[in-house]
Amino acid sequence: MPPAISSRQHRRAVAGFTLVELLVVIAIIGILIALLLPAVQAAREAARRTQCTNHLKQIGLAFLNHHDTHGHLPTGGWGWYWVGDPDRGYDKRQPGGWMYNILPYMENSTLHDLGAGLAPAAKRAALATMTGTPVPQYNCPTRRSPTVYPNVVFHGDNAFNADPIAVHARNDYAVSAGDRYCHGMDRGPASLQLGDDPNYMWNQPWGELKDSTGVCFLRSEVRLAQVADGTSNTFLVGEKYLRPEDYRTGDDPADNLSVYQGYDIDTDRWTCLQNIARQDTPGYQDSLSFGSAHASAWNAVLVDGSVHSIGYGLDVEIHRRLGNRDDGLPIDDRPF
């Protein structure tokens, strides 16, 4: 016959953990979570960074496929008061910018062709729908999701060739327009007829269009043969700088219009010596530079289609030369 169990022993066996033991277990779990959380966050950011580089890889391939089809890289469009027009082709007659022109090579022909062949009123309505349609590959997942954001610019108007709309799709990538900001931004011609007029004055007081040194800019038709410094030594598209407080507001002048607009600082960047790529920084506005929401580096695709992660400490002169397609200067000891 087994020995009798005292009531005290029985109560202790039923009670299980004491309060002190339970607190110790909770503390250990808290420590483990604190140790694991940075690793989980780092893994998530690594996945987002990989997705970002994949977006740029697709964009770079779309540029090259556009070149194979039309004989030149996508044009930069007319001005920020225009959006893409499906009936205007892919050359300098096209008022829409590069993000509009590569849509067919991003498996988005349906979006590109909205409004094709329609009467003017119906086309304006269709193009308004387009301006409010996001493309996931045009946004960096570390910064924000591919959704629509308030239209804070036109205040009842939208564009010369589209109806008003309350929201816009926005972008986190910008094309390299060169190493000199040689012509200012404006709305563009007030009509298609003016834009087609060979006597229309496109040049701005900032400089001549012929002095543009990048791969895509106002009414550009740059051929790969004109990238004389080499396609592996020239920026094509990279992440654009944006201060964090304006990720969703539209208050930054370089992030307040649709991705399908014509030439503007929303979609173009420069590598002038003062325009160094930097991490998104609260309170600091920069409408002309590359940059990103990633902690240590920003991503860019070169004209040859290769994607690179580039540290924010890149030499300023190397950074400038990578923005110029034909300055004849070597790029030695490139750190990426």
C-alpha atoms as a PDB file:
ATOM      1  CA  MET A   1       0.000   0.000   0.000  1.00  0.00           C
ATOM      2  CA  PRO A   2       1.561   3.364  -1.047  1.00  0.00           C
ATOM      3  CA  PRO A   3       2.311   5.873   1.638  1.00  0.00           C
ATOM      4  CA  ALA A   4      -0.333   8.485   2.245  1.00  0.00           C
ATOM      5  CA  ILE A   5       0.202  11.907   0.623  1.00  0.00           C
ATOM      6  CA  SER A   6      -0.176  14.800   2.986  1.00  0.00           C
ATOM      7  CA  SER A   7      -2.700  17.514   2.134  1.00  0.00           C
ATOM      8  CA  ARG A   8       0.140  20.096   1.959  1.00  0.00           C
ATOM      9  CA  GLN A   9       2.036  18.024  -0.620  1.00  0.00           C
ATOM     10  CA  HIS A  10      -1.161  17.522  -2.595  1.00  0.00           C
ATOM     11  CA  ARG A  11      -1.929  21.257  -2.677  1.00  0.00           C
ATOM     12  CA  ARG A  12       1.622  22.037  -3.851  1.00  0.00           C
ATOM     13  CA  ALA A  13       1.425  19.457  -6.617  1.00  0.00           C
ATOM     14  CA  VAL A  14      -1.876  20.868  -7.851  1.00  0.00           C
ATOM     15  CA  ALA A  15      -0.751  24.480  -7.630  1.00  0.00           C
ATOM     16  CA  GLY A  16       2.088  23.995 -10.202  1.00  0.00           C
ATOM     17  CA  PHE A  17       4.238  27.112 -10.718  1.00  0.00           C
ATOM     18  CA  THR A  18       4.593  29.559  -7.926  1.00  0.00           C
ATOM     19  CA  LEU A  19       4.109  33.254  -8.669  1.00  0.00           C
ATOM     20  CA  VAL A  20       7.853  33.818  -8.619  1.00  0.00           C
ATOM     21  CA  GLU A  21       8.444  30.966 -11.057  1.00  0.00           C
ATOM     22  CA  LEU A  22       5.735  32.307 -13.379  1.00  0.00           C
ATOM     23  CA  LEU A  23       7.304  35.764 -13.371  1.00  0.00           C
ATOM     24  CA  VAL A  24      10.692  34.258 -14.188  1.00  0.00           C
ATOM     25  CA  VAL A  25       9.201  32.372 -17.157  1.00  0.00           C
ATOM     26  CA  ILE A  26       7.483  35.533 -18.428  1.00  0.00           C
ATOM     27  CA  ALA A  27      10.741  37.471 -18.108  1.00  0.00           C
ATOM     28  CA  ILE A  28      12.624  34.813 -20.069  1.00  0.00           C
ATOM     29  CA  ILE A  29      10.003  34.864 -22.816  1.00  0.00           C
ATOM     30  CA  GLY A  30      10.266  38.660 -22.962  1.00  0.00           C
ATOM     31  CA  ILE A  31      14.046  38.463 -23.308  1.00  0.00           C
ATOM     32  CA  LEU A  32      13.756  35.887 -26.097  1.00  0.00           C
ATOM     33  CA  ILE A  33      11.262  38.056 -27.959  1.00  0.00           C
ATOM     34  CA  ALA A  34      13.523  41.097 -27.575  1.00  0.00           C
ATOM     35  CA  LEU A  35      16.420  39.073 -28.969  1.00  0.00           C
ATOM     36  CA  LEU A  36      14.434  37.645 -31.848  1.00  0.00           C
ATOM     37  CA  LEU A  37      12.578  40.822 -32.896  1.00  0.00           C
ATOM     38  CA  PRO A  38      15.584  42.569 -34.546  1.00  0.00           C
ATOM     39  CA  ALA A  39      16.335  39.372 -36.457  1.00  0.00           C
ATOM     40  CA  VAL A  40      12.727  39.153 -37.640  1.00  0.00           C
ATOM     41  CA  GLN A  41      12.720  42.822 -38.640  1.00  0.00           C
ATOM     42  CA  ALA A  42      16.026  42.404 -40.478  1.00  0.00           C
ATOM     43  CA  ALA A  43      14.666  39.386 -42.342  1.00  0.00           C
ATOM     44  CA  ARG A  44      11.578  41.339 -43.369  1.00  0.00           C
ATOM     45  CA  GLU A  45      13.659  44.289 -44.564  1.00  0.00           C
ATOM     46  CA  ALA A  46      15.931  41.929 -46.510  1.00  0.00           C
ATOM     47  CA  ALA A  47      12.839  40.531 -48.229  1.00  0.00           C
ATOM     48  CA  ARG A  48      11.586  44.045 -49.002  1.00  0.00           C
ATOM     49  CA  ARG A  49      14.989  45.054 -50.357  1.00  0.00           C
ATOM     50  CA  THR A  50      15.023  41.990 -52.600  1.00  0.00           C
ATOM     51  CA  GLN A  51      11.565  42.887 -53.876  1.00  0.00           C
ATOM     52  CA  CYS A  52      12.775  46.437 -54.542  1.00  0.00           C
ATOM     53  CA  THR A  53      15.731  45.198 -56.598  1.00  0.00           C
ATOM     54  CA  ASN A  54      13.388  42.895 -58.510  1.00  0.00           C
ATOM     55  CA  HIS A  55      11.220  45.898 -59.383  1.00  0.00           C
ATOM     56  CA  LEU A  56      14.257  47.711 -60.763  1.00  0.00           C
ATOM     57  CA  LYS A  57      15.309  44.614 -62.688  1.00  0.00           C
ATOM     58  CA  GLN A  58      11.899  44.540 -64.367  1.00  0.00           C
ATOM     59  CA  ILE A  59      12.065  48.268 -65.110  1.00  0.00           C
ATOM     60  CA  GLY A  60      15.537  47.935 -66.625  1.00  0.00           C
ATOM     61  CA  LEU A  61      14.414  45.053 -68.817  1.00  0.00           C
ATOM     62  CA  ALA A  62      11.372  47.069 -69.924  1.00  0.00           C
ATOM     63  CA  PHE A  63      13.663  49.954 -70.984  1.00  0.00           C
ATOM     64  CA  LEU A  64      15.795  47.607 -73.068  1.00  0.00           C
ATOM     65  CA  ASN A  65      12.777  45.918 -74.647  1.00  0.00           C
ATOM     66  CA  HIS A  66      11.410  49.370 -75.494  1.00  0.00           C
ATOM     67  CA  HIS A  67      14.730  50.166 -77.164  1.00  0.00           C
ATOM     68  CA  ASP A  68      14.667  46.915 -79.126  1.00  0.00           C
ATOM     69  CA  THR A  69      11.169  47.714 -80.397  1.00  0.00           C
ATOM     70  CA  HIS A  70      11.398  51.457 -81.071  1.00  0.00           C
ATOM     71  CA  GLY A  71      15.112  52.085 -81.569  1.00  0.00           C
ATOM     72  CA  HIS A  72      15.540  54.359 -78.556  1.00  0.00           C
ATOM     73  CA  LEU A  73      15.020  54.418 -74.802  1.00  0.00           C
ATOM     74  CA  PRO A  74      11.645  55.734 -73.555  1.00  0.00           C
ATOM     75  CA  THR A  75      11.027  59.432 -73.971  1.00  0.00           C
ATOM     76  CA  GLY A  76      10.569  61.646 -70.928  1.00  0.00           C
ATOM     77  CA  GLY A  77       7.368  63.257 -72.212  1.00  0.00           C
ATOM     78  CA  TRP A  78       6.278  66.873 -72.473  1.00  0.00           C
ATOM     79  CA  GLY A  79       5.622  68.381 -69.067  1.00  0.00           C
ATOM     80  CA  TRP A  80       3.877  67.872 -65.770  1.00  0.00           C
ATOM     81  CA  TYR A  81       0.423  68.979 -67.019  1.00  0.00           C
ATOM     82  CA  TRP A  82       0.272  66.046 -69.432  1.00  0.00           C
ATOM     83  CA  VAL A  83      -0.322  62.325 -68.984  1.00  0.00           C
ATOM     84  CA  GLY A  84       0.261  59.538 -71.465  1.00  0.00           C
ATOM     85  CA  ASP A  85      -1.858  59.272 -74.607  1.00  0.00           C
ATOM     86  CA  PRO A  86      -2.248  55.804 -76.205  1.00  0.00           C
ATOM     87  CA  ASP A  87      -2.762  57.297 -79.656  1.00  0.00           C
ATOM     88  CA  ARG A  88       0.508  59.280 -79.726  1.00  0.00           C
ATOM     89  CA  GLY A  89       3.099  56.543 -80.175  1.00  0.00           C
ATOM     90  CA  TYR A  90       6.434  56.235 -78.339  1.00  0.00           C
ATOM     91  CA  ASP A  91       8.569  59.075 -79.697  1.00  0.00           C
ATOM     92  CA  LYS A  92       8.774  62.812 -78.939  1.00  0.00           C
ATOM     93  CA  ARG A  93       5.115  63.210 -79.938  1.00  0.00           C
ATOM     94  CA  GLN A  94       4.160  61.289 -76.792  1.00  0.00           C
ATOM     95  CA  PRO A  95       3.288  63.667 -73.929  1.00  0.00           C
ATOM     96  CA  GLY A  96       3.448  60.955 -71.251  1.00  0.00           C
ATOM     97  CA  GLY A  97       6.690  60.149 -69.455  1.00  0.00           C
ATOM     98  CA  TRP A  98       8.855  57.050 -69.203  1.00  0.00           C
ATOM     99  CA  MET A  99       6.688  55.208 -66.672  1.00  0.00           C
ATOM    100  CA  TYR A 100       3.797  55.426 -69.089  1.00  0.00           C
ATOM    101  CA  ASN A 101       5.868  54.389 -72.079  1.00  0.00           C
ATOM    102  CA  ILE A 102       7.245  51.177 -70.552  1.00  0.00           C
ATOM    103  CA  LEU A 103       3.835  49.888 -69.406  1.00  0.00           C
ATOM    104  CA  PRO A 104       3.497  47.464 -72.375  1.00  0.00           C
ATOM    105  CA  TYR A 105       6.873  45.960 -71.398  1.00  0.00           C
ATOM    106  CA  MET A 106       5.771  45.597 -67.762  1.00  0.00           C
ATOM    107  CA  GLU A 107       2.822  43.364 -68.729  1.00  0.00           C
ATOM    108  CA  ASN A 108       0.484  46.350 -68.438  1.00  0.00           C
ATOM    109  CA  SER A 109      -0.600  46.915 -72.046  1.00  0.00           C
ATOM    110  CA  THR A 110      -4.239  47.136 -70.977  1.00  0.00           C
ATOM    111  CA  LEU A 111      -3.479  50.065 -68.679  1.00  0.00           C
ATOM    112  CA  HIS A 112      -1.336  51.749 -71.343  1.00  0.00           C
ATOM    113  CA  ASP A 113      -4.079  51.436 -73.952  1.00  0.00           C
ATOM    114  CA  LEU A 114      -6.900  52.920 -71.853  1.00  0.00           C
ATOM    115  CA  GLY A 115      -8.713  55.473 -74.014  1.00  0.00           C
ATOM    116  CA  ALA A 116      -7.185  54.365 -77.299  1.00  0.00           C
ATOM    117  CA  GLY A 117      -9.274  55.445 -80.279  1.00  0.00           C
ATOM    118  CA  LEU A 118     -11.991  57.046 -78.158  1.00  0.00           C
ATOM    119  CA  ALA A 119     -13.659  60.405 -78.710  1.00  0.00           C
ATOM    120  CA  PRO A 120     -12.049  63.279 -76.747  1.00  0.00           C
ATOM    121  CA  ALA A 121     -14.508  63.288 -73.810  1.00  0.00           C
ATOM    122  CA  ALA A 122     -14.391  59.521 -73.375  1.00  0.00           C
ATOM    123  CA  LYS A 123     -10.608  59.520 -73.675  1.00  0.00           C
ATOM    124  CA  ARG A 124     -10.242  62.173 -70.960  1.00  0.00           C
ATOM    125  CA  ALA A 125     -12.339  60.037 -68.624  1.00  0.00           C
ATOM    126  CA  ALA A 126     -10.294  56.930 -69.433  1.00  0.00           C
ATOM    127  CA  LEU A 127      -6.994  58.737 -68.857  1.00  0.00           C
ATOM    128  CA  ALA A 128      -8.268  59.977 -65.497  1.00  0.00           C
ATOM    129  CA  THR A 129      -8.910  56.352 -64.546  1.00  0.00           C
ATOM    130  CA  MET A 130      -5.366  55.513 -65.614  1.00  0.00           C
ATOM    131  CA  THR A 131      -3.803  58.226 -63.440  1.00  0.00           C
ATOM    132  CA  GLY A 132      -5.443  56.668 -60.387  1.00  0.00           C
ATOM    133  CA  THR A 133      -4.282  53.124 -61.127  1.00  0.00           C
ATOM    134  CA  PRO A 134      -1.099  52.022 -59.304  1.00  0.00           C
ATOM    135  CA  VAL A 135       1.492  49.595 -60.651  1.00  0.00           C
ATOM    136  CA  PRO A 136       3.119  47.519 -57.872  1.00  0.00           C
ATOM    137  CA  GLN A 137       6.538  47.552 -59.566  1.00  0.00           C
ATOM    138  CA  TYR A 138       6.665  51.349 -59.319  1.00  0.00           C
ATOM    139  CA  ASN A 139       6.779  51.395 -55.506  1.00  0.00           C
ATOM    140  CA  CYS A 140       9.471  50.343 -53.032  1.00  0.00           C
ATOM    141  CA  PRO A 141       7.866  48.118 -50.347  1.00  0.00           C
ATOM    142  CA  THR A 142      10.139  49.539 -47.649  1.00  0.00           C
ATOM    143  CA  ARG A 143       8.684  52.998 -48.230  1.00  0.00           C
ATOM    144  CA  ARG A 144       5.018  52.462 -49.057  1.00  0.00           C
ATOM    145  CA  SER A 145       2.462  50.217 -50.672  1.00  0.00           C
ATOM    146  CA  PRO A 146       1.189  50.465 -54.268  1.00  0.00           C
ATOM    147  CA  THR A 147      -2.027  52.330 -53.612  1.00  0.00           C
ATOM    148  CA  VAL A 148      -3.517  55.731 -54.483  1.00  0.00           C
ATOM    149  CA  TYR A 149      -2.751  59.009 -52.759  1.00  0.00           C
ATOM    150  CA  PRO A 150      -4.529  62.396 -52.633  1.00  0.00           C
ATOM    151  CA  ASN A 151      -4.370  64.663 -55.664  1.00  0.00           C
ATOM    152  CA  VAL A 152      -3.331  67.890 -53.942  1.00  0.00           C
ATOM    153  CA  VAL A 153      -1.948  69.771 -56.949  1.00  0.00           C
ATOM    154  CA  PHE A 154      -4.635  70.493 -59.483  1.00  0.00           C
ATOM    155  CA  HIS A 155      -7.487  71.467 -57.126  1.00  0.00           C
ATOM    156  CA  GLY A 156     -10.330  70.634 -59.474  1.00  0.00           C
ATOM    157  CA  ASP A 157      -8.205  70.280 -62.568  1.00  0.00           C
ATOM    158  CA  ASN A 158      -6.098  67.280 -63.493  1.00  0.00           C
ATOM    159  CA  ALA A 159      -4.158  67.610 -66.728  1.00  0.00           C
ATOM    160  CA  PHE A 160      -4.494  69.082 -70.189  1.00  0.00           C
ATOM    161  CA  ASN A 161      -5.666  65.724 -71.531  1.00  0.00           C
ATOM    162  CA  ALA A 162      -7.455  64.035 -68.599  1.00  0.00           C
ATOM    163  CA  ASP A 163     -10.482  64.699 -66.398  1.00  0.00           C
ATOM    164  CA  PRO A 164     -10.086  65.685 -62.724  1.00  0.00           C
ATOM    165  CA  ILE A 165      -9.584  62.871 -60.244  1.00  0.00           C
ATOM    166  CA  ALA A 166      -9.264  62.890 -56.456  1.00  0.00           C
ATOM    167  CA  VAL A 167      -6.358  60.440 -56.223  1.00  0.00           C
ATOM    168  CA  HIS A 168      -3.099  59.604 -57.998  1.00  0.00           C
ATOM    169  CA  ALA A 169      -0.832  56.600 -58.237  1.00  0.00           C
ATOM    170  CA  ARG A 170       2.713  57.618 -57.245  1.00  0.00           C
ATOM    171  CA  ASN A 171       6.214  56.270 -57.793  1.00  0.00           C
ATOM    172  CA  ASP A 172       9.369  55.580 -55.781  1.00  0.00           C
ATOM    173  CA  TYR A 173      11.750  55.256 -58.731  1.00  0.00           C
ATOM    174  CA  ALA A 174      13.178  57.953 -61.007  1.00  0.00           C
ATOM    175  CA  VAL A 175      15.140  57.944 -64.234  1.00  0.00           C
ATOM    176  CA  SER A 176      18.597  59.485 -64.535  1.00  0.00           C
ATOM    177  CA  ALA A 177      18.237  62.751 -66.461  1.00  0.00           C
ATOM    178  CA  GLY A 178      21.961  63.557 -66.269  1.00  0.00           C
ATOM    179  CA  ASP A 179      24.584  65.329 -64.193  1.00  0.00           C
ATOM    180  CA  ARG A 180      23.344  68.847 -64.894  1.00  0.00           C
ATOM    181  CA  TYR A 181      19.931  70.383 -64.309  1.00  0.00           C
ATOM    182  CA  CYS A 182      19.911  72.270 -67.576  1.00  0.00           C
ATOM    183  CA  HIS A 183      16.279  73.101 -68.180  1.00  0.00           C
ATOM    184  CA  GLY A 184      13.461  73.929 -65.796  1.00  0.00           C
ATOM    185  CA  MET A 185      10.137  72.208 -65.341  1.00  0.00           C
ATOM    186  CA  ASP A 186       6.880  73.554 -66.669  1.00  0.00           C
ATOM    187  CA  ARG A 187       3.424  72.370 -67.623  1.00  0.00           C
ATOM    188  CA  GLY A 188       4.294  71.891 -71.278  1.00  0.00           C
ATOM    189  CA  PRO A 189       2.380  73.182 -74.299  1.00  0.00           C
ATOM    190  CA  ALA A 190      -1.293  73.957 -73.735  1.00  0.00           C
ATOM    191  CA  SER A 191      -2.484  71.753 -76.606  1.00  0.00           C
ATOM    192  CA  LEU A 192      -1.397  68.853 -78.783  1.00  0.00           C
ATOM    193  CA  GLN A 193      -1.271  71.220 -81.752  1.00  0.00           C
ATOM    194  CA  LEU A 194       1.223  73.475 -79.976  1.00  0.00           C
ATOM    195  CA  GLY A 195       3.333  70.491 -78.949  1.00  0.00           C
ATOM    196  CA  ASP A 196       3.459  69.303 -82.550  1.00  0.00           C
ATOM    197  CA  ASP A 197       4.414  72.742 -83.849  1.00  0.00           C
ATOM    198  CA  PRO A 198       8.110  72.616 -84.839  1.00  0.00           C
ATOM    199  CA  ASN A 199       8.411  76.271 -83.829  1.00  0.00           C
ATOM    200  CA  TYR A 200       7.197  75.733 -80.265  1.00  0.00           C
ATOM    201  CA  MET A 201       9.820  76.923 -77.776  1.00  0.00           C
ATOM    202  CA  TRP A 202      10.664  73.861 -75.675  1.00  0.00           C
ATOM    203  CA  ASN A 203      13.952  75.131 -74.306  1.00  0.00           C
ATOM    204  CA  GLN A 204      13.870  76.764 -70.911  1.00  0.00           C
ATOM    205  CA  PRO A 205      16.096  79.595 -69.640  1.00  0.00           C
ATOM    206  CA  TRP A 206      18.018  77.017 -67.569  1.00  0.00           C
ATOM    207  CA  GLY A 207      19.834  75.747 -70.647  1.00  0.00           C
ATOM    208  CA  GLU A 208      19.541  73.938 -73.948  1.00  0.00           C
ATOM    209  CA  LEU A 209      17.951  70.503 -74.312  1.00  0.00           C
ATOM    210  CA  LYS A 210      20.974  69.400 -76.314  1.00  0.00           C
ATOM    211  CA  ASP A 211      23.025  69.815 -73.122  1.00  0.00           C
ATOM    212  CA  SER A 212      21.061  67.121 -71.250  1.00  0.00           C
ATOM    213  CA  THR A 213      23.471  64.350 -70.293  1.00  0.00           C
ATOM    214  CA  GLY A 214      21.206  61.596 -68.985  1.00  0.00           C
ATOM    215  CA  VAL A 215      19.326  58.750 -70.624  1.00  0.00           C
ATOM    216  CA  CYS A 216      15.778  60.157 -70.424  1.00  0.00           C
ATOM    217  CA  PHE A 217      14.495  63.724 -70.232  1.00  0.00           C
ATOM    218  CA  LEU A 218      12.134  66.173 -71.948  1.00  0.00           C
ATOM    219  CA  ARG A 219      11.180  64.725 -75.386  1.00  0.00           C
ATOM    220  CA  SER A 220      14.289  62.543 -75.403  1.00  0.00           C
ATOM    221  CA  GLU A 221      14.989  59.699 -77.823  1.00  0.00           C
ATOM    222  CA  VAL A 222      18.329  58.408 -76.551  1.00  0.00           C
ATOM    223  CA  ARG A 223      19.817  55.415 -78.348  1.00  0.00           C
ATOM    224  CA  LEU A 224      22.147  52.919 -76.677  1.00  0.00           C
ATOM    225  CA  ALA A 225      24.818  53.938 -79.160  1.00  0.00           C
ATOM    226  CA  GLN A 226      24.710  57.389 -77.560  1.00  0.00           C
ATOM    227  CA  VAL A 227      25.622  55.945 -74.156  1.00  0.00           C
ATOM    228  CA  ALA A 228      29.281  56.308 -75.091  1.00  0.00           C
ATOM    229  CA  ASP A 229      30.640  55.827 -71.572  1.00  0.00           C
ATOM    230  CA  GLY A 230      29.275  52.297 -71.581  1.00  0.00           C
ATOM    231  CA  THR A 231      25.986  50.813 -70.483  1.00  0.00           C
ATOM    232  CA  SER A 232      27.652  49.306 -67.398  1.00  0.00           C
ATOM    233  CA  ASN A 233      28.927  52.750 -66.344  1.00  0.00           C
ATOM    234  CA  THR A 234      25.730  54.768 -66.641  1.00  0.00           C
ATOM    235  CA  PHE A 235      22.734  55.081 -64.335  1.00  0.00           C
ATOM    236  CA  LEU A 236      19.342  54.227 -65.824  1.00  0.00           C
ATOM    237  CA  VAL A 237      16.770  54.262 -62.996  1.00  0.00           C
ATOM    238  CA  GLY A 238      17.154  54.425 -59.223  1.00  0.00           C
ATOM    239  CA  GLU A 239      15.205  55.023 -56.067  1.00  0.00           C
ATOM    240  CA  LYS A 240      14.273  58.658 -55.512  1.00  0.00           C
ATOM    241  CA  TYR A 241      14.720  60.614 -52.289  1.00  0.00           C
ATOM    242  CA  LEU A 242      11.587  61.540 -50.312  1.00  0.00           C
ATOM    243  CA  ARG A 243      11.298  62.813 -46.756  1.00  0.00           C
ATOM    244  CA  PRO A 244       9.284  60.369 -44.597  1.00  0.00           C
ATOM    245  CA  GLU A 245       6.588  62.808 -43.481  1.00  0.00           C
ATOM    246  CA  ASP A 246       5.509  63.169 -47.133  1.00  0.00           C
ATOM    247  CA  TYR A 247       5.234  59.495 -48.037  1.00  0.00           C
ATOM    248  CA  ARG A 248       1.452  59.868 -48.217  1.00  0.00           C
ATOM    249  CA  THR A 249       0.669  63.578 -48.138  1.00  0.00           C
ATOM    250  CA  GLY A 250       1.623  64.803 -51.613  1.00  0.00           C
ATOM    251  CA  ASP A 251       3.170  67.890 -50.018  1.00  0.00           C
ATOM    252  CA  ASP A 252       6.602  67.289 -51.539  1.00  0.00           C
ATOM    253  CA  PRO A 253       6.841  68.989 -54.965  1.00  0.00           C
ATOM    254  CA  ALA A 254       8.679  65.931 -56.287  1.00  0.00           C
ATOM    255  CA  ASP A 255       5.948  63.522 -55.230  1.00  0.00           C
ATOM    256  CA  ASN A 256       2.602  65.143 -55.908  1.00  0.00           C
ATOM    257  CA  LEU A 257       1.563  64.000 -59.398  1.00  0.00           C
ATOM    258  CA  SER A 258       0.689  60.822 -61.243  1.00  0.00           C
ATOM    259  CA  VAL A 259       3.311  58.305 -62.337  1.00  0.00           C
ATOM    260  CA  TYR A 260       2.036  58.630 -65.923  1.00  0.00           C
ATOM    261  CA  GLN A 261       2.720  62.351 -66.280  1.00  0.00           C
ATOM    262  CA  GLY A 262       5.246  63.939 -68.605  1.00  0.00           C
ATOM    263  CA  TYR A 263       8.709  65.211 -67.742  1.00  0.00           C
ATOM    264  CA  ASP A 264       8.957  66.427 -64.139  1.00  0.00           C
ATOM    265  CA  ILE A 265      10.904  66.107 -60.899  1.00  0.00           C
ATOM    266  CA  ASP A 266       8.444  63.440 -59.726  1.00  0.00           C
ATOM    267  CA  THR A 267       9.970  60.985 -62.181  1.00  0.00           C
ATOM    268  CA  ASP A 268      13.480  62.319 -62.953  1.00  0.00           C
ATOM    269  CA  ARG A 269      16.665  62.766 -60.905  1.00  0.00           C
ATOM    270  CA  TRP A 270      20.110  64.294 -61.432  1.00  0.00           C
ATOM    271  CA  THR A 271      23.623  63.515 -60.176  1.00  0.00           C
ATOM    272  CA  CYS A 272      24.957  67.061 -59.887  1.00  0.00           C
ATOM    273  CA  LEU A 273      27.692  67.373 -57.269  1.00  0.00           C
ATOM    274  CA  GLN A 274      25.289  68.893 -54.760  1.00  0.00           C
ATOM    275  CA  ASN A 275      22.687  66.190 -55.362  1.00  0.00           C
ATOM    276  CA  ILE A 276      24.112  63.238 -53.423  1.00  0.00           C
ATOM    277  CA  ALA A 277      21.926  60.212 -52.806  1.00  0.00           C
ATOM    278  CA  ARG A 278      20.881  59.962 -49.168  1.00  0.00           C
ATOM    279  CA  GLN A 279      18.585  58.017 -46.889  1.00  0.00           C
ATOM    280  CA  ASP A 280      15.113  59.490 -46.418  1.00  0.00           C
ATOM    281  CA  THR A 281      15.467  61.971 -43.556  1.00  0.00           C
ATOM    282  CA  PRO A 282      12.655  63.686 -41.593  1.00  0.00           C
ATOM    283  CA  GLY A 283      12.614  67.436 -42.156  1.00  0.00           C
ATOM    284  CA  TYR A 284      15.053  67.413 -45.085  1.00  0.00           C
ATOM    285  CA  GLN A 285      13.582  68.126 -48.531  1.00  0.00           C
ATOM    286  CA  ASP A 286      15.452  67.320 -51.730  1.00  0.00           C
ATOM    287  CA  SER A 287      13.521  67.253 -55.000  1.00  0.00           C
ATOM    288  CA  LEU A 288      16.371  66.446 -57.387  1.00  0.00           C
ATOM    289  CA  SER A 289      18.378  63.599 -55.828  1.00  0.00           C
ATOM    290  CA  PHE A 290      18.312  59.857 -55.647  1.00  0.00           C
ATOM    291  CA  GLY A 291      17.841  58.206 -52.250  1.00  0.00           C
ATOM    292  CA  SER A 292      15.696  55.653 -50.468  1.00  0.00           C
ATOM    293  CA  ALA A 293      14.018  54.416 -47.314  1.00  0.00           C
ATOM    294  CA  HIS A 294      16.634  51.646 -46.915  1.00  0.00           C
ATOM    295  CA  ALA A 295      19.048  52.080 -44.032  1.00  0.00           C
ATOM    296  CA  SER A 296      22.473  51.647 -45.610  1.00  0.00           C
ATOM    297  CA  ALA A 297      22.160  51.893 -49.388  1.00  0.00           C
ATOM    298  CA  TRP A 298      19.874  52.738 -52.289  1.00  0.00           C
ATOM    299  CA  ASN A 299      19.162  50.569 -55.319  1.00  0.00           C
ATOM    300  CA  ALA A 300      19.693  51.428 -58.964  1.00  0.00           C
ATOM    301  CA  VAL A 301      19.670  49.698 -62.325  1.00  0.00           C
ATOM    302  CA  LEU A 302      22.327  50.599 -64.888  1.00  0.00           C
ATOM    303  CA  VAL A 303      21.692  50.879 -68.618  1.00  0.00           C
ATOM    304  CA  ASP A 304      22.998  47.337 -69.121  1.00  0.00           C
ATOM    305  CA  GLY A 305      20.153  46.055 -66.942  1.00  0.00           C
ATOM    306  CA  SER A 306      22.278  45.145 -63.919  1.00  0.00           C
ATOM    307  CA  VAL A 307      20.912  46.139 -60.494  1.00  0.00           C
ATOM    308  CA  HIS A 308      23.199  47.316 -57.697  1.00  0.00           C
ATOM    309  CA  SER A 309      22.915  48.328 -54.064  1.00  0.00           C
ATOM    310  CA  ILE A 310      24.902  51.554 -53.700  1.00  0.00           C
ATOM    311  CA  GLY A 311      26.114  52.880 -50.373  1.00  0.00           C
ATOM    312  CA  TYR A 312      25.239  56.440 -49.423  1.00  0.00           C
ATOM    313  CA  GLY A 313      28.946  57.162 -49.074  1.00  0.00           C
ATOM    314  CA  LEU A 314      29.663  56.782 -52.791  1.00  0.00           C
ATOM    315  CA  ASP A 315      32.309  59.253 -53.953  1.00  0.00           C
ATOM    316  CA  VAL A 316      30.556  62.385 -55.204  1.00  0.00           C
ATOM    317  CA  GLU A 317      32.572  62.548 -58.415  1.00  0.00           C
ATOM    318  CA  ILE A 318      31.901  58.889 -59.258  1.00  0.00           C
ATOM    319  CA  HIS A 319      28.235  59.531 -58.530  1.00  0.00           C
ATOM    320  CA  ARG A 320      28.239  62.472 -60.932  1.00  0.00           C
ATOM    321  CA  ARG A 321      29.996  60.577 -63.718  1.00  0.00           C
ATOM    322  CA  LEU A 322      27.520  57.695 -63.504  1.00  0.00           C
ATOM    323  CA  GLY A 323      24.781  60.180 -64.370  1.00  0.00           C
ATOM    324  CA  ASN A 324      26.474  61.349 -67.574  1.00  0.00           C
ATOM    325  CA  ARG A 325      26.185  59.014 -70.561  1.00  0.00           C
ATOM    326  CA  ASP A 326      29.000  60.616 -72.556  1.00  0.00           C
ATOM    327  CA  ASP A 327      31.571  62.627 -70.607  1.00  0.00           C
ATOM    328  CA  GLY A 328      34.499  60.356 -71.539  1.00  0.00           C
ATOM    329  CA  LEU A 329      35.743  60.154 -67.962  1.00  0.00           C
ATOM    330  CA  PRO A 330      36.734  56.789 -66.486  1.00  0.00           C
ATOM    331  CA  ILE A 331      35.037  55.183 -63.506  1.00  0.00           C
ATOM    332  CA  ASP A 332      37.729  53.299 -61.601  1.00  0.00           C
ATOM    333  CA  ASP A 333      37.414  51.187 -58.459  1.00  0.00           C
ATOM    334  CA  ARG A 334      33.651  51.302 -58.470  1.00  0.00           C
ATOM    335  CA  PRO A 335      32.538  50.053 -55.032  1.00  0.00           C
ATOM    336  CA  PHE A 336      29.509  48.112 -56.276  1.00  0.00           C
END
